[in-house]
Amino acid sequence: MTLHELNKKIIFFLKKIGLWFAALPLVSHIIKAHNFIQVKVFKKGELKNHILIKYIFKDLFLYFLVSFLFFFMIFFVNQILLTVEDLLAKSAPFKDVMRIMFYSLPFIIAQSSPFATLVGFLMSLGGMMSNNEILIFRAAGFSFIRILLPTAILGLIISIASFFVNDYLLPLGQIKYGRLMREIMNSTPTIELESNSVKSLDSSNVVIGEVEGNSVSDLIIFDSNNEQDRLIFAGKSTLQGAKSEGVLMQFDMNDSTVLSISKNNRSKYDVMKSKNSILNIFDTTLLGNTSRSAREMTTYDLTKTIKKMKQDAQEDTSLKRRLNLWIMEYHKKFSLPFGSIFFAIFAFSIAFLFGKHNGQTIGLFLGLVVCVLYWAMQIMGQLFVQRVGLNAFWCIWIPNFVIGFFALLFLIILIKK
């Protein structure tokens, strides 16, 4: 039934019931609504554009999820090999090991999101390019910039969500992780010991013999301070959990000997022998300072701490290197999560330039190569800050700036093409 026929029937019906005076306003409203739909929706193609943009969002998000699961499993398995396997091998409680894995999830999620954005978007857009779907978008009146808009918006949404995980859930997980590790080491102290190995404990180096259960066949400890060097060696020793606050574990040593040599006068030394002696290992020795570290703070807490450290560094120049490390952790809160927006624009340009044939395969290959290079630049940046003391801002943000530079360069080439 056409609109004109509908109007005639409505007028005829209103005449019959004696409401002719109401017909004119009603018909007027129907015509206005019809004109609005024709002009605003169908004539301008807004409904069609909405469907196409929604299609881009759905396809990008689907490939992002698949890529996210891929990288999540890589980092998850890596965490199992680094931490969980060793804990289980040393008979740590299974429930506590699972809790350790749970507290590690925020770190794994924060690491996976940017790389999943790059690989997922490359495969999605590359597939659209090789299947000539982009040609359909272009025929529908979409410019490359208009196709870029939903890509950039989704990249920004992923960045914001990743930043929330990195800024709130990661510090919370790190705090819980540290507390639980102290409890595990207290209940199962041998998880830190390996047979016939050398372990560094603060200013000491410990040579460990055969480890069986809580027993160690022999120990040799090299210790040094500003005044003297000490050599401690003992026969069979038993490792026990903490018996006082601040102590993580203790060695009950048999037949121990302590040789102390003065640094100022090497000919001056002391020798002490004991049938039974106790060596306490403090929790700060293995786990660092018990106060909150930079990774256990949000950006708000970090900002306040860094501000105070800057004031203290003016009086004590030795704090400048430590301040630079904290500034590095502050920038890491932003650089990795917001790497997703840089990767999104980079993926857009690369996929449309090189994805005409086998776009998904090329996208997967290029994505993995760029992820490895980006990861290498991140590690190098952190090493330059920690060991050389270079500026934390540039070392942490350069990987994103490099990706952003090539993203804009390829985008300009794409638009001109």
Protein backbone atom coordinates (compact mmCIF):
# COMPACT_ATOMS: atom_id res chain seq x y z
CA MET A 1 0.00 0.00 0.00
CA THR A 2 1.43 3.40 -0.99
CA LEU A 3 1.50 6.42 1.27
CA HIS A 4 -1.10 8.21 -0.89
CA GLU A 5 -3.57 5.29 -0.60
CA LEU A 6 -3.03 5.17 3.15
CA ASN A 7 -3.81 8.88 3.45
CA LYS A 8 -7.06 8.48 1.45
CA LYS A 9 -8.25 5.62 3.69
CA ILE A 10 -7.48 7.55 6.86
CA ILE A 11 -9.42 10.61 5.58
CA PHE A 12 -12.38 8.42 4.49
CA PHE A 13 -12.51 6.76 7.92
CA LEU A 14 -12.36 10.06 9.78
CA LYS A 15 -15.17 11.46 7.58
CA LYS A 16 -17.38 8.53 8.51
CA ILE A 17 -17.02 9.12 12.21
CA GLY A 18 -17.35 12.88 11.92
CA LEU A 19 -13.76 13.75 12.78
CA TRP A 20 -12.82 15.41 9.49
CA PHE A 21 -11.24 18.32 11.37
CA ALA A 22 -8.64 15.92 12.82
CA ALA A 23 -7.66 14.53 9.43
CA LEU A 24 -5.60 17.45 8.20
CA PRO A 25 -3.13 17.59 11.14
CA LEU A 26 -2.73 13.79 11.16
CA VAL A 27 -2.06 13.64 7.43
CA SER A 28 0.37 16.53 7.77
CA HIS A 29 2.37 14.65 10.44
CA ILE A 30 2.45 11.46 8.34
CA ILE A 31 3.78 13.37 5.35
CA LYS A 32 6.44 15.08 7.47
CA ALA A 33 7.58 11.74 8.92
CA HIS A 34 7.73 10.24 5.44
CA ASN A 35 9.78 13.13 4.11
CA PHE A 36 12.16 12.91 7.11
CA ILE A 37 12.81 9.22 6.50
CA GLN A 38 13.35 9.76 2.79
CA VAL A 39 15.68 12.72 3.17
CA LYS A 40 17.59 11.82 6.34
CA VAL A 41 17.90 8.06 5.97
CA PHE A 42 17.39 6.68 2.50
CA LYS A 43 18.34 9.66 0.38
CA LYS A 44 21.61 10.35 2.20
CA GLY A 45 22.40 6.69 2.71
CA GLU A 46 22.89 6.99 6.48
CA LEU A 47 21.34 3.61 7.16
CA LYS A 48 23.61 1.96 4.61
CA ASN A 49 26.71 3.68 6.02
CA HIS A 50 25.75 2.65 9.53
CA ILE A 51 25.57 -0.99 8.47
CA LEU A 52 28.93 -0.86 6.71
CA ILE A 53 30.68 0.80 9.65
CA LYS A 54 29.11 -1.73 12.01
CA TYR A 55 30.46 -4.48 9.75
CA ILE A 56 33.99 -3.03 10.00
CA PHE A 57 33.76 -2.88 13.79
CA LYS A 58 32.54 -6.47 14.07
CA ASP A 59 35.19 -7.87 11.74
CA LEU A 60 38.04 -5.97 13.42
CA PHE A 61 36.86 -6.97 16.89
CA LEU A 62 36.48 -10.65 15.91
CA TYR A 63 40.04 -10.87 14.58
CA PHE A 64 41.31 -8.93 17.59
CA LEU A 65 39.76 -11.54 19.92
CA VAL A 66 41.32 -14.43 17.97
CA SER A 67 44.74 -12.74 18.02
CA PHE A 68 44.34 -11.84 21.68
CA LEU A 69 43.76 -15.50 22.58
CA PHE A 70 46.84 -16.45 20.54
CA PHE A 71 49.15 -13.99 22.34
CA PHE A 72 47.47 -14.67 25.68
CA MET A 73 48.33 -18.35 25.39
CA ILE A 74 51.95 -17.54 24.45
CA PHE A 75 52.48 -15.30 27.48
CA PHE A 76 50.46 -17.66 29.68
CA VAL A 77 52.59 -20.67 28.75
CA ASN A 78 55.73 -18.58 29.21
CA GLN A 79 54.56 -17.67 32.72
CA ILE A 80 53.92 -21.36 33.47
CA LEU A 81 57.43 -22.29 32.33
CA LEU A 82 59.06 -19.47 34.30
CA THR A 83 57.17 -19.70 37.57
CA VAL A 84 54.58 -22.42 37.94
CA GLU A 85 56.70 -25.34 36.75
CA ASP A 86 59.41 -24.55 39.30
CA LEU A 87 56.87 -24.11 42.11
CA LEU A 88 55.16 -27.42 41.35
CA ALA A 89 58.50 -29.21 41.04
CA LYS A 90 59.40 -28.04 44.55
CA SER A 91 56.07 -29.37 45.95
CA ALA A 92 54.50 -25.97 46.56
CA PRO A 93 50.76 -26.17 47.41
CA PHE A 94 48.73 -26.56 44.19
CA LYS A 95 46.08 -24.10 45.39
CA ASP A 96 48.70 -21.41 45.94
CA VAL A 97 50.27 -22.08 42.53
CA MET A 98 46.89 -21.53 40.86
CA ARG A 99 46.48 -18.30 42.78
CA ILE A 100 49.91 -17.20 41.57
CA MET A 101 48.75 -17.76 37.99
CA PHE A 102 45.55 -15.82 38.63
CA TYR A 103 47.47 -12.83 40.00
CA SER A 104 49.68 -12.93 36.90
CA LEU A 105 46.71 -12.53 34.53
CA PRO A 106 46.64 -8.68 34.51
CA PHE A 107 50.27 -8.62 33.36
CA ILE A 108 49.53 -11.17 30.62
CA ILE A 109 46.45 -9.23 29.45
CA ALA A 110 48.33 -5.92 29.39
CA GLN A 111 51.12 -7.49 27.33
CA SER A 112 48.80 -9.26 24.88
CA SER A 113 46.42 -6.42 23.93
CA PRO A 114 48.72 -4.20 21.78
CA PHE A 115 50.18 -7.12 19.83
CA ALA A 116 46.70 -8.58 19.31
CA THR A 117 45.56 -5.22 17.94
CA LEU A 118 48.32 -5.19 15.33
CA VAL A 119 47.98 -8.79 14.14
CA GLY A 120 44.17 -8.87 14.38
CA PHE A 121 43.66 -5.61 12.50
CA LEU A 122 46.19 -6.58 9.82
CA MET A 123 44.42 -9.89 9.19
CA SER A 124 40.96 -8.30 9.20
CA LEU A 125 41.77 -5.38 6.89
CA GLY A 126 44.05 -7.53 4.74
CA GLY A 127 41.22 -10.00 4.26
CA MET A 128 38.85 -7.20 3.28
CA MET A 129 41.39 -5.91 0.78
CA SER A 130 42.09 -9.27 -0.89
CA ASN A 131 38.34 -10.11 -1.02
CA ASN A 132 37.59 -6.79 -2.75
CA GLU A 133 35.37 -5.70 0.15
CA ILE A 134 37.29 -2.43 0.34
CA LEU A 135 36.37 -1.88 -3.31
CA ILE A 136 32.71 -2.12 -2.28
CA PHE A 137 33.28 0.42 0.49
CA ARG A 138 34.93 2.77 -1.96
CA ALA A 139 32.07 2.32 -4.47
CA ALA A 140 29.61 3.16 -1.66
CA GLY A 141 31.30 6.54 -1.24
CA PHE A 142 33.67 5.72 1.62
CA SER A 143 37.03 7.48 1.57
CA PHE A 144 40.10 5.87 3.13
CA ILE A 145 39.91 8.37 5.98
CA ARG A 146 36.32 7.36 6.69
CA ILE A 147 37.32 3.69 6.81
CA LEU A 148 40.21 4.65 9.09
CA LEU A 149 37.84 6.27 11.60
CA PRO A 150 36.23 3.06 13.02
CA THR A 151 39.67 1.40 12.98
CA ALA A 152 41.20 4.20 15.05
CA ILE A 153 38.19 4.36 17.40
CA LEU A 154 38.36 0.63 18.15
CA GLY A 155 42.14 0.93 18.66
CA LEU A 156 41.51 3.76 21.13
CA ILE A 157 38.87 1.72 23.00
CA ILE A 158 41.32 -1.20 23.30
CA SER A 159 44.00 1.22 24.54
CA ILE A 160 41.73 2.63 27.25
CA ALA A 161 40.66 -0.83 28.41
CA SER A 162 44.29 -2.00 28.41
CA PHE A 163 45.33 1.10 30.37
CA PHE A 164 42.73 0.30 33.04
CA VAL A 165 44.17 -3.22 33.38
CA ASN A 166 47.72 -1.87 33.43
CA ASP A 167 47.02 0.94 35.89
CA TYR A 168 44.61 -0.68 38.34
CA LEU A 169 44.46 -4.47 38.02
CA LEU A 170 48.21 -4.95 37.44
CA PRO A 171 49.32 -3.17 40.67
CA LEU A 172 46.65 -5.05 42.59
CA GLY A 173 47.84 -8.35 41.12
CA GLN A 174 51.49 -7.50 41.87
CA ILE A 175 50.68 -6.79 45.53
CA LYS A 176 48.77 -10.07 45.90
CA TYR A 177 51.50 -11.91 43.98
CA GLY A 178 54.25 -10.63 46.31
CA ARG A 179 52.33 -11.51 49.47
CA LEU A 180 51.53 -15.00 48.23
CA MET A 181 55.14 -15.64 47.17
CA ARG A 182 56.28 -14.77 50.69
CA GLU A 183 53.75 -17.22 52.12
CA ILE A 184 54.88 -19.97 49.72
CA MET A 185 58.56 -19.41 50.49
CA ASN A 186 57.78 -19.48 54.18
CA SER A 187 55.89 -22.76 53.96
CA THR A 188 58.14 -24.30 51.27
CA PRO A 189 61.53 -22.59 51.59
CA THR A 190 63.37 -24.97 49.26
CA ILE A 191 61.66 -23.51 46.15
CA GLU A 192 64.54 -21.01 45.96
CA LEU A 193 67.25 -23.66 46.09
CA GLU A 194 68.71 -25.80 43.31
CA SER A 195 71.33 -28.51 43.69
CA ASN A 196 74.92 -27.57 42.79
CA SER A 197 74.09 -23.95 42.01
CA VAL A 198 75.20 -20.42 42.92
CA LYS A 199 72.66 -17.91 44.17
CA SER A 200 73.10 -14.17 44.77
CA LEU A 201 71.53 -12.85 47.96
CA ASP A 202 71.91 -9.09 48.25
CA SER A 203 75.66 -8.57 48.88
CA SER A 204 76.33 -12.31 49.29
CA ASN A 205 76.90 -15.23 46.95
CA VAL A 206 75.86 -18.69 48.12
CA VAL A 207 77.29 -21.92 46.68
CA ILE A 208 74.76 -24.70 47.27
CA GLY A 209 75.55 -28.42 47.37
CA GLU A 210 73.09 -31.29 46.94
CA VAL A 211 69.51 -30.45 47.94
CA GLU A 212 67.26 -33.25 49.21
CA GLY A 213 63.99 -32.13 50.72
CA ASN A 214 64.87 -29.46 53.30
CA SER A 215 68.48 -30.65 53.66
CA VAL A 216 71.53 -29.18 51.93
CA SER A 217 74.75 -31.25 51.90
CA ASP A 218 77.08 -28.25 52.23
CA LEU A 219 77.14 -24.45 51.93
CA ILE A 220 79.77 -21.87 51.05
CA ILE A 221 78.85 -18.20 51.50
CA PHE A 222 80.89 -15.24 50.28
CA ASP A 223 79.85 -12.01 51.98
CA SER A 224 81.30 -8.50 51.82
CA ASN A 225 80.69 -5.10 53.39
CA ASN A 226 82.58 -1.84 53.71
CA GLU A 227 84.85 -3.12 56.47
CA GLN A 228 85.50 -6.81 55.87
CA ASP A 229 85.09 -9.86 53.66
CA ARG A 230 83.59 -13.01 55.13
CA LEU A 231 83.76 -16.61 54.07
CA ILE A 232 81.27 -18.99 55.70
CA PHE A 233 81.27 -22.70 54.99
CA ALA A 234 79.26 -25.39 56.68
CA GLY A 235 78.52 -29.09 56.48
CA LYS A 236 75.00 -30.48 56.36
CA SER A 237 72.38 -27.76 56.82
CA THR A 238 68.61 -27.76 57.21
CA LEU A 239 66.42 -25.08 55.63
CA GLN A 240 63.38 -24.02 57.68
CA GLY A 241 60.60 -21.49 57.39
CA ALA A 242 60.60 -18.15 59.18
CA LYS A 243 60.34 -18.10 62.97
CA SER A 244 60.40 -14.32 63.43
CA GLU A 245 58.97 -11.30 61.62
CA GLY A 246 60.99 -10.06 58.64
CA VAL A 247 62.81 -13.39 58.25
CA LEU A 248 61.83 -15.37 55.16
CA MET A 249 63.76 -18.56 55.94
CA GLN A 250 66.68 -19.80 58.04
CA PHE A 251 69.56 -22.25 57.69
CA ASP A 252 70.38 -24.48 60.67
CA MET A 253 74.06 -25.18 59.89
CA ASN A 254 76.27 -27.92 61.34
CA ASP A 255 80.03 -27.68 61.73
CA SER A 256 80.25 -24.15 60.38
CA THR A 257 83.37 -22.00 60.10
CA VAL A 258 83.47 -18.20 59.61
CA LEU A 259 86.60 -16.52 58.23
CA SER A 260 86.56 -12.70 58.47
CA ILE A 261 89.30 -10.67 56.72
CA SER A 262 89.74 -6.93 57.22
CA LYS A 263 89.72 -4.91 54.01
CA ASN A 264 92.15 -2.34 55.40
CA ASN A 265 94.65 -4.93 56.61
CA ARG A 266 94.57 -8.29 54.84
CA SER A 267 96.93 -9.84 57.37
CA LYS A 268 94.33 -9.28 60.08
CA TYR A 269 91.64 -11.94 60.19
CA ASP A 270 89.36 -13.81 62.59
CA VAL A 271 88.32 -17.45 62.55
CA MET A 272 85.23 -18.73 64.34
CA LYS A 273 84.03 -22.31 64.50
CA SER A 274 80.69 -23.58 65.67
CA LYS A 275 79.10 -26.98 65.90
CA ASN A 276 75.61 -25.51 65.39
CA SER A 277 74.72 -22.08 64.03
CA ILE A 278 71.77 -20.31 62.41
CA LEU A 279 71.82 -18.11 59.29
CA ASN A 280 68.71 -15.94 58.77
CA ILE A 281 67.61 -14.97 55.22
CA PHE A 282 65.52 -11.82 55.35
CA ASP A 283 62.57 -11.35 52.99
CA THR A 284 64.10 -8.17 51.53
CA THR A 285 67.11 -10.22 50.42
CA LEU A 286 65.09 -12.41 48.04
CA LEU A 287 62.01 -10.31 47.31
CA GLY A 288 63.41 -6.79 47.54
CA ASN A 289 62.15 -4.00 49.71
CA THR A 290 58.86 -4.77 51.43
CA SER A 291 57.61 -1.24 50.72
CA ARG A 292 55.50 -0.78 47.59
CA SER A 293 57.45 -0.90 44.35
CA ALA A 294 56.66 1.18 41.25
CA ARG A 295 54.76 -1.73 39.66
CA GLU A 296 52.50 -1.95 42.70
CA MET A 297 51.31 1.65 42.30
CA THR A 298 48.74 3.36 40.11
CA THR A 299 49.69 6.39 38.04
CA TYR A 300 48.19 8.62 40.74
CA ASP A 301 50.41 7.12 43.44
CA LEU A 302 53.41 7.10 41.12
CA THR A 303 52.94 10.79 40.31
CA LYS A 304 52.97 11.73 44.00
CA THR A 305 55.97 9.50 44.74
CA ILE A 306 57.99 10.82 41.79
CA LYS A 307 57.21 14.40 42.77
CA LYS A 308 58.56 13.76 46.26
CA MET A 309 61.61 11.93 44.87
CA LYS A 310 62.43 14.91 42.62
CA GLN A 311 62.51 17.16 45.66
CA ASP A 312 64.78 14.73 47.51
CA ALA A 313 67.03 14.26 44.45
CA GLN A 314 67.95 17.96 44.52
CA GLU A 315 69.65 17.38 47.86
CA ASP A 316 70.95 13.86 47.20
CA THR A 317 72.33 13.33 43.68
CA SER A 318 72.61 9.57 44.23
CA LEU A 319 68.80 9.35 44.01
CA LYS A 320 68.72 10.56 40.40
CA ARG A 321 69.36 7.10 38.93
CA ARG A 322 66.63 5.56 41.08
CA LEU A 323 64.31 8.44 40.14
CA ASN A 324 64.91 7.70 36.46
CA LEU A 325 63.86 4.07 37.01
CA TRP A 326 60.61 5.17 38.64
CA ILE A 327 59.93 7.59 35.79
CA MET A 328 60.48 4.65 33.42
CA GLU A 329 57.80 2.63 35.24
CA TYR A 330 55.47 5.64 35.04
CA HIS A 331 55.82 5.90 31.26
CA LYS A 332 55.41 2.14 30.87
CA LYS A 333 51.93 2.59 32.35
CA PHE A 334 51.00 4.55 29.20
CA SER A 335 53.32 3.45 26.40
CA LEU A 336 52.32 -0.21 26.15
CA PRO A 337 48.51 0.19 26.49
CA PHE A 338 48.34 3.14 24.09
CA GLY A 339 50.55 1.30 21.66
CA SER A 340 47.24 -0.17 20.42
CA ILE A 341 46.20 3.11 18.77
CA PHE A 342 49.59 3.36 17.00
CA PHE A 343 49.29 -0.27 15.89
CA ALA A 344 45.72 0.29 14.64
CA ILE A 345 46.75 3.11 12.28
CA PHE A 346 49.87 1.20 11.21
CA ALA A 347 47.80 -1.92 10.45
CA PHE A 348 45.33 0.14 8.39
CA SER A 349 48.05 1.57 6.15
CA ILE A 350 50.01 -1.67 5.74
CA ALA A 351 46.96 -3.82 5.00
CA PHE A 352 45.68 -1.59 2.19
CA LEU A 353 49.11 -1.14 0.60
CA PHE A 354 50.31 -4.75 0.68
CA GLY A 355 47.17 -6.83 1.23
CA LYS A 356 45.71 -6.98 -2.27
CA HIS A 357 46.74 -10.63 -2.66
CA ASN A 358 46.67 -13.08 0.27
CA GLY A 359 45.97 -10.22 2.65
CA GLN A 360 45.40 -12.32 5.76
CA THR A 361 48.57 -14.38 5.31
CA ILE A 362 50.69 -11.31 4.64
CA GLY A 363 49.03 -9.53 7.57
CA LEU A 364 49.83 -12.39 9.94
CA PHE A 365 53.46 -12.56 8.80
CA LEU A 366 54.07 -8.81 8.92
CA GLY A 367 52.27 -8.54 12.25
CA LEU A 368 54.46 -11.16 13.93
CA VAL A 369 57.66 -9.61 12.53
CA VAL A 370 56.69 -6.12 13.74
CA CYS A 371 55.69 -7.52 17.16
CA VAL A 372 59.13 -9.09 17.60
CA LEU A 373 60.89 -5.86 16.56
CA TYR A 374 58.66 -3.77 18.82
CA TRP A 375 59.31 -6.13 21.75
CA ALA A 376 63.07 -5.95 21.10
CA MET A 377 62.98 -2.14 21.08
CA GLN A 378 61.06 -2.18 24.35
CA ILE A 379 63.61 -4.44 26.04
CA MET A 380 66.52 -2.39 24.71
CA GLY A 381 64.90 0.83 25.92
CA GLN A 382 64.49 -0.55 29.43
CA LEU A 383 68.10 -1.81 29.48
CA PHE A 384 69.38 1.62 28.41
CA VAL A 385 67.47 3.20 31.29
CA GLN A 386 68.54 0.62 33.88
CA ARG A 387 72.22 0.23 32.95
CA VAL A 388 73.19 3.40 31.10
CA GLY A 389 70.81 5.85 32.75
CA LEU A 390 69.41 7.37 29.54
CA ASN A 391 66.27 9.51 29.57
CA ALA A 392 63.31 7.28 30.53
CA PHE A 393 60.73 9.11 28.40
CA TRP A 394 62.55 8.66 25.09
CA CYS A 395 63.69 5.10 25.78
CA ILE A 396 60.16 3.93 26.58
CA TRP A 397 58.23 5.90 23.95
CA ILE A 398 60.59 5.51 20.96
CA PRO A 399 59.02 2.14 19.91
CA ASN A 400 55.59 3.82 19.68
CA PHE A 401 57.01 6.86 17.89
CA VAL A 402 58.71 4.62 15.32
CA ILE A 403 55.45 2.74 14.68
CA GLY A 404 53.55 6.04 14.52
CA PHE A 405 56.05 7.53 12.04
CA PHE A 406 55.76 4.61 9.62
CA ALA A 407 51.97 4.52 10.10
CA LEU A 408 51.65 8.18 9.01
CA LEU A 409 54.16 7.69 6.18
CA PHE A 410 52.28 4.71 4.73
CA LEU A 411 48.95 6.48 5.26
CA ILE A 412 50.12 9.48 3.20
CA ILE A 413 51.31 7.12 0.46
CA LEU A 414 47.94 5.32 0.55
CA ILE A 415 45.92 8.53 0.27
CA LYS A 416 48.05 9.85 -2.61
CA LYS A 417 47.79 6.52 -4.36
